[in-house]
Protein backbone atom coordinates (compact mmCIF):
# COMPACT_ATOMS: atom_id res chain seq x y z
CA MET A 1 0.00 0.00 0.00
CA ALA A 2 1.28 3.46 -0.91
CA THR A 3 2.13 6.05 1.73
CA ASP A 4 1.63 9.79 1.17
CA PHE A 5 5.27 10.15 0.13
CA ALA A 6 4.66 7.82 -2.84
CA VAL A 7 1.71 9.77 -4.27
CA SER A 8 2.24 11.33 -7.71
CA ALA A 9 2.33 15.05 -8.46
CA TRP A 10 0.09 14.36 -11.46
CA SER A 11 -2.80 12.78 -9.52
CA ARG A 12 -3.67 12.00 -5.91
CA SER A 13 -4.92 8.57 -7.02
CA GLN A 14 -1.63 7.54 -8.63
CA ILE A 15 1.83 6.55 -7.41
CA ALA A 16 4.87 8.55 -8.52
CA GLY A 17 7.20 6.98 -11.06
CA THR A 18 10.07 7.18 -8.58
CA SER A 19 8.26 4.89 -6.17
CA VAL A 20 7.13 2.55 -8.96
CA CYS A 21 10.71 2.17 -10.18
CA ALA A 22 12.06 1.60 -6.68
CA LEU A 23 9.39 -1.00 -5.89
CA LEU A 24 10.07 -2.89 -9.13
CA ALA A 25 13.81 -2.76 -8.37
CA ARG A 26 13.11 -4.22 -4.94
CA GLY A 27 11.26 -7.12 -6.55
CA LEU A 28 13.99 -7.71 -9.13
CA GLU A 29 16.61 -7.65 -6.39
CA THR A 30 15.11 -10.74 -4.76
CA HIS A 31 16.77 -12.65 -7.62
CA THR A 32 20.21 -11.02 -7.43
CA PRO A 33 23.07 -13.42 -8.30
CA GLY A 34 25.18 -11.98 -5.46
CA PRO A 35 28.05 -9.53 -4.91
CA GLY A 36 29.97 -10.75 -7.97
CA PHE A 37 27.38 -9.14 -10.26
CA ILE A 38 26.29 -5.56 -11.04
CA PRO A 39 22.72 -4.61 -12.10
CA ALA A 40 24.14 -3.02 -15.26
CA ARG A 41 20.86 -2.13 -16.96
CA PHE A 42 17.45 -1.50 -15.42
CA THR A 43 14.50 -0.56 -17.65
CA THR A 44 10.96 0.24 -16.58
CA ASP A 45 7.95 0.73 -18.86
CA LEU A 46 5.38 3.02 -17.28
CA PHE A 47 2.48 2.39 -19.66
CA ARG A 48 -0.44 2.51 -17.21
CA PRO A 49 -0.89 4.57 -14.04
CA VAL A 50 -0.07 2.61 -10.90
CA LEU A 51 -2.86 3.45 -8.48
CA THR A 52 -2.78 3.94 -4.72
CA ASP A 53 -4.69 0.65 -4.44
CA PRO A 54 -3.10 -2.60 -3.19
CA ILE A 55 -0.22 -3.76 -5.39
CA GLU A 56 0.76 -7.26 -6.47
CA LEU A 57 4.38 -7.67 -7.60
CA ARG A 58 5.43 -10.64 -9.75
CA THR A 59 9.01 -11.54 -10.66
CA ALA A 60 10.70 -14.22 -12.74
CA VAL A 61 14.23 -15.15 -13.82
CA VAL A 62 14.39 -15.10 -17.64
CA ARG A 63 18.04 -16.04 -18.20
CA ASP A 64 20.58 -17.41 -15.75
CA GLY A 65 24.20 -17.84 -16.82
CA ASN A 66 27.75 -17.53 -15.53
CA ARG A 67 28.13 -13.93 -16.74
CA VAL A 68 24.55 -12.73 -17.32
CA ARG A 69 21.30 -12.98 -15.39
CA VAL A 70 18.09 -11.34 -16.62
CA VAL A 71 15.07 -10.86 -14.34
CA ASP A 72 11.61 -9.48 -15.16
CA ALA A 73 9.06 -7.89 -12.82
CA GLU A 74 5.46 -6.73 -13.17
CA ILE A 75 3.10 -4.65 -11.06
CA ILE A 76 -0.44 -6.03 -11.17
CA GLN A 77 -3.59 -4.13 -10.17
CA HIS A 78 -7.21 -5.06 -10.93
CA GLY A 79 -6.04 -7.96 -13.10
CA GLU A 80 -3.92 -5.71 -15.36
CA ILE A 81 -0.19 -5.25 -15.77
CA ARG A 82 0.33 -1.59 -14.84
CA SER A 83 4.10 -1.40 -15.18
CA ARG A 84 6.93 -3.78 -15.95
CA ALA A 85 10.70 -3.80 -15.57
CA THR A 86 13.74 -5.85 -16.43
CA VAL A 87 17.25 -5.93 -15.04
CA MET A 88 20.37 -7.37 -16.62
CA TYR A 89 23.01 -8.43 -14.10
CA LEU A 90 26.54 -8.66 -15.49
CA ALA A 91 29.45 -10.45 -13.82
CA VAL A 92 32.26 -8.31 -12.40
CA ALA A 93 35.56 -8.76 -14.31
CA ASP A 94 39.00 -7.17 -14.72
CA GLN A 95 39.18 -3.99 -16.77
CA PRO A 96 40.66 -4.55 -20.27
CA PRO A 97 44.00 -2.85 -21.06
CA GLY A 98 44.35 0.41 -22.98
CA GLU A 99 42.94 3.91 -22.78
CA VAL A 100 39.49 4.97 -24.01
CA TRP A 101 38.19 8.50 -24.60
CA GLN A 102 36.01 9.78 -21.77
CA PRO A 103 34.19 13.10 -21.46
CA THR A 104 35.13 15.58 -18.76
CA HIS A 105 32.52 15.82 -16.01
CA THR A 106 31.97 18.67 -13.58
CA LEU A 107 29.68 17.10 -10.99
CA PRO A 108 28.80 19.42 -8.10
CA VAL A 109 28.10 18.01 -4.64
CA PRO A 110 26.60 19.92 -1.69
CA ASP A 111 28.68 20.59 1.40
CA ARG A 112 25.88 19.41 3.65
CA ARG A 113 25.45 15.65 3.83
CA LEU A 114 22.06 13.97 3.61
CA ASP A 115 22.44 10.90 5.78
CA SER A 116 19.23 10.33 7.74
CA PRO A 117 18.29 6.61 7.84
CA GLU A 118 14.72 7.67 7.03
CA GLY A 119 15.76 9.77 4.03
CA ASN A 120 15.96 13.54 3.52
CA PRO A 121 14.13 16.03 1.30
CA PRO A 122 16.15 16.52 -1.92
CA LEU A 123 18.45 19.43 -2.71
CA PHE A 124 18.45 21.22 -6.08
CA LYS A 125 20.97 23.24 -8.05
CA SER A 126 20.24 25.31 -11.15
CA GLY A 127 23.17 26.59 -13.21
CA ASP A 128 25.61 28.50 -11.02
CA LEU A 129 23.13 28.93 -8.16
CA GLU A 130 23.79 27.38 -4.76
CA TRP A 131 22.27 24.12 -3.55
CA THR A 132 18.85 24.61 -1.96
CA GLY A 133 15.85 22.63 -0.76
CA ASP A 134 13.47 25.18 -2.23
CA PHE A 135 11.44 23.53 -5.00
CA ALA A 136 10.74 26.96 -6.50
CA SER A 137 14.45 27.36 -7.27
CA GLY A 138 14.13 25.29 -10.45
CA VAL A 139 11.67 27.58 -12.23
CA ASN A 140 14.19 28.57 -14.89
CA SER A 141 15.86 27.22 -18.02
CA GLU A 142 19.26 26.50 -16.43
CA ARG A 143 20.98 23.12 -16.31
CA LYS A 144 19.85 21.30 -13.19
CA CYS A 145 21.22 18.86 -10.62
CA ALA A 146 19.46 17.14 -7.74
CA TRP A 147 20.89 15.44 -4.66
CA HIS A 148 18.92 12.65 -2.97
CA ASN A 149 18.86 10.49 0.13
CA VAL A 150 16.03 8.08 -0.64
CA PRO A 151 13.79 6.86 2.21
CA PRO A 152 13.05 3.14 2.64
CA VAL A 153 10.95 1.77 -0.22
CA VAL A 154 9.05 -0.47 2.20
CA ALA A 155 8.63 0.56 5.84
CA GLY A 156 11.14 -1.15 8.11
CA ASP A 157 13.29 -2.38 5.21
CA PRO A 158 16.47 -0.30 4.60
CA VAL A 159 16.81 1.00 1.06
CA THR A 160 19.51 -0.74 -1.00
CA PRO A 161 21.94 0.91 -3.45
CA PHE A 162 20.10 -0.59 -6.44
CA GLN A 163 16.71 0.62 -5.19
CA ARG A 164 18.26 4.06 -4.66
CA ALA A 165 19.56 4.15 -8.25
CA ALA A 166 16.17 3.06 -9.65
CA PHE A 167 14.33 5.74 -7.65
CA VAL A 168 16.71 8.55 -8.65
CA GLY A 169 16.76 7.40 -12.28
CA ASP A 170 13.11 8.38 -12.61
CA THR A 171 13.98 11.94 -11.53
CA THR A 172 15.67 12.38 -14.92
CA ASN A 173 12.29 13.76 -15.97
CA LEU A 174 12.62 16.36 -13.22
CA VAL A 175 16.16 17.63 -13.82
CA CYS A 176 15.93 17.51 -17.63
CA ASN A 177 12.33 18.56 -18.36
CA TRP A 178 11.80 21.20 -15.65
CA GLY A 179 11.62 24.69 -17.11
CA THR A 180 10.17 28.15 -16.66
CA ALA A 181 6.57 26.84 -16.56
CA GLY A 182 7.15 23.70 -14.49
CA VAL A 183 7.35 20.10 -15.71
CA GLY A 184 5.30 19.46 -18.83
CA TYR A 185 6.24 15.89 -19.74
CA ILE A 186 5.22 12.56 -18.22
CA ASN A 187 7.97 10.02 -18.72
CA SER A 188 6.77 6.78 -20.27
CA ASP A 189 9.87 4.81 -19.35
CA VAL A 190 13.15 4.87 -17.43
CA THR A 191 16.45 3.18 -18.27
CA VAL A 192 19.34 3.22 -15.80
CA THR A 193 22.79 1.88 -16.70
CA LEU A 194 25.37 1.29 -13.99
CA THR A 195 29.06 0.43 -13.90
CA ARG A 196 28.94 0.22 -10.11
CA LEU A 197 26.44 0.73 -7.31
CA PRO A 198 26.25 4.06 -5.46
CA GLU A 199 28.29 4.34 -2.26
CA GLY A 200 26.70 5.75 0.87
CA PRO A 201 23.17 7.10 1.30
CA GLU A 202 23.47 9.99 -1.18
CA LEU A 203 23.02 9.96 -4.95
CA GLY A 204 23.19 12.88 -7.35
CA ILE A 205 21.79 13.36 -10.83
CA GLN A 206 22.83 16.00 -13.38
CA ALA A 207 20.98 16.87 -16.60
CA ARG A 208 22.95 15.82 -19.67
CA ASP A 209 20.70 16.23 -22.73
CA HIS A 210 17.17 17.29 -23.60
CA PHE A 211 15.62 17.01 -27.06
CA SER A 212 11.94 17.60 -27.81
CA ALA A 213 9.59 17.91 -30.79
CA ASN A 214 5.99 16.97 -31.56
CA GLY A 215 5.16 16.82 -27.86
CA ILE A 216 7.74 14.08 -27.27
CA ALA A 217 10.94 14.54 -25.27
CA THR A 218 13.98 12.36 -24.77
CA ALA A 219 16.37 13.26 -21.99
CA SER A 220 19.44 11.80 -20.35
CA ALA A 221 21.34 12.46 -17.13
CA THR A 222 24.47 11.41 -15.28
CA LEU A 223 24.19 9.54 -11.97
CA TYR A 224 26.99 10.19 -9.47
CA ASP A 225 27.92 10.06 -5.81
CA ARG A 226 30.64 11.75 -3.78
CA THR A 227 33.30 9.54 -5.39
CA GLY A 228 32.32 10.34 -9.01
CA PRO A 229 30.08 9.22 -11.90
CA LEU A 230 28.64 5.71 -11.86
CA GLY A 231 26.11 5.54 -14.69
CA THR A 232 23.48 7.21 -16.82
CA SER A 233 19.71 7.44 -16.97
CA LEU A 234 17.41 7.99 -19.94
CA VAL A 235 13.70 8.79 -20.17
CA ASN A 236 11.20 9.38 -22.95
CA GLY A 237 8.37 11.77 -22.17
CA ILE A 238 4.90 12.61 -23.53
CA SER A 239 3.61 16.18 -23.40
CA ASN A 240 1.11 16.92 -20.65
CA ALA A 241 0.86 20.65 -21.31
CA ARG A 242 -2.72 20.92 -20.02
CA ARG A 243 -1.59 19.69 -16.60
CA GLN A 244 1.89 21.13 -16.13
CA VAL A 245 3.23 20.33 -12.67
CA ASP A 246 4.21 23.28 -10.51
CA LEU A 247 6.70 21.60 -8.19
CA ALA A 248 6.79 24.49 -5.74
CA ALA A 249 3.01 24.25 -5.25
CA PHE A 250 3.24 20.46 -5.06
CA ALA A 251 5.88 20.67 -2.34
CA GLU A 252 3.75 23.09 -0.33
CA GLU A 253 0.69 20.86 -0.70
CA ARG A 254 2.57 17.82 0.58
CA SER A 255 4.25 19.87 3.34
CA PHE A 256 7.74 18.90 2.21
CA ALA A 257 10.35 20.68 4.30
CA THR A 258 12.33 23.33 2.45
CA GLN A 259 16.00 23.71 3.22
CA ARG A 260 17.26 27.01 1.88
C-alpha cells in the first residue's frame, strides 16, 4: 500500500514513477546473483498509471548464466499489468587494457550531507546557483542537478543501493524537463545503466541532454555520488501541457520541508 510520500504530483490517485521504479527494483533484487554481479541495466515501462490501491508484484528469472542474469518484474492491479521492468546483471571482471576516450565531467556536490536513515528532502541546483531545498528554485531554463537520500521503499526495510539508483533514475524527468513553466512531460519509461552501485546514502543526478519535438521529449542524465560518476539514466516523455506540474506548489501541498 502506498504512503503519502509515494503519491504522484500528477494525480492524488496515482503513485509517482520514482516509487514505482524503486518498488520494481526491490522485486527484481530478490533474484540477485550476489556480490559478484552488477545490475548493469534497469529498464521500466510506465504504460499505465499505478494506483494507490493494493499492489501485487510478480518476478521471474528469464536467463541465468555464468556472466549474465536477466530478471523481469510486473506490477499487477485489478487484473492488469500496470508497469513492468527488467534488469540485466553482469558479472564483475578485470578492466581490459588500454585507454578509451572519456568526457570531462563537472559534478557538483553539496557541502551538507544527507544521511538520515529515514531519508531527507532533496536538494536542487540550477546553473551556477547554490544548492537549496526550495522547489521553486528550479523555475528557470538553467541546467539542473538534484541530490537525494532516498527513504526506505518499504517501511522497516532499509533501502539498497540498487533501489536508490532506480528511484533517482526516474527523476531524470525532473532535472531535464523542468523549465520556466514547471514540468510538462510525463515520462513513459526509465532506463538506468550502472558500472557500479552508489556508495553511501546519497546519490546525485545531473541533466545531460534534452531534445523535444511533436510533444515528445527524450532526456538523459548522469548519476553520481561523492566519489564520481557511476552511470546514466534515460527517459522518454509525452507532453502533458494541459496539466503542467508546478513543483513548488506540489511541495507546499505535501508539506515537504524546504531547506534554503
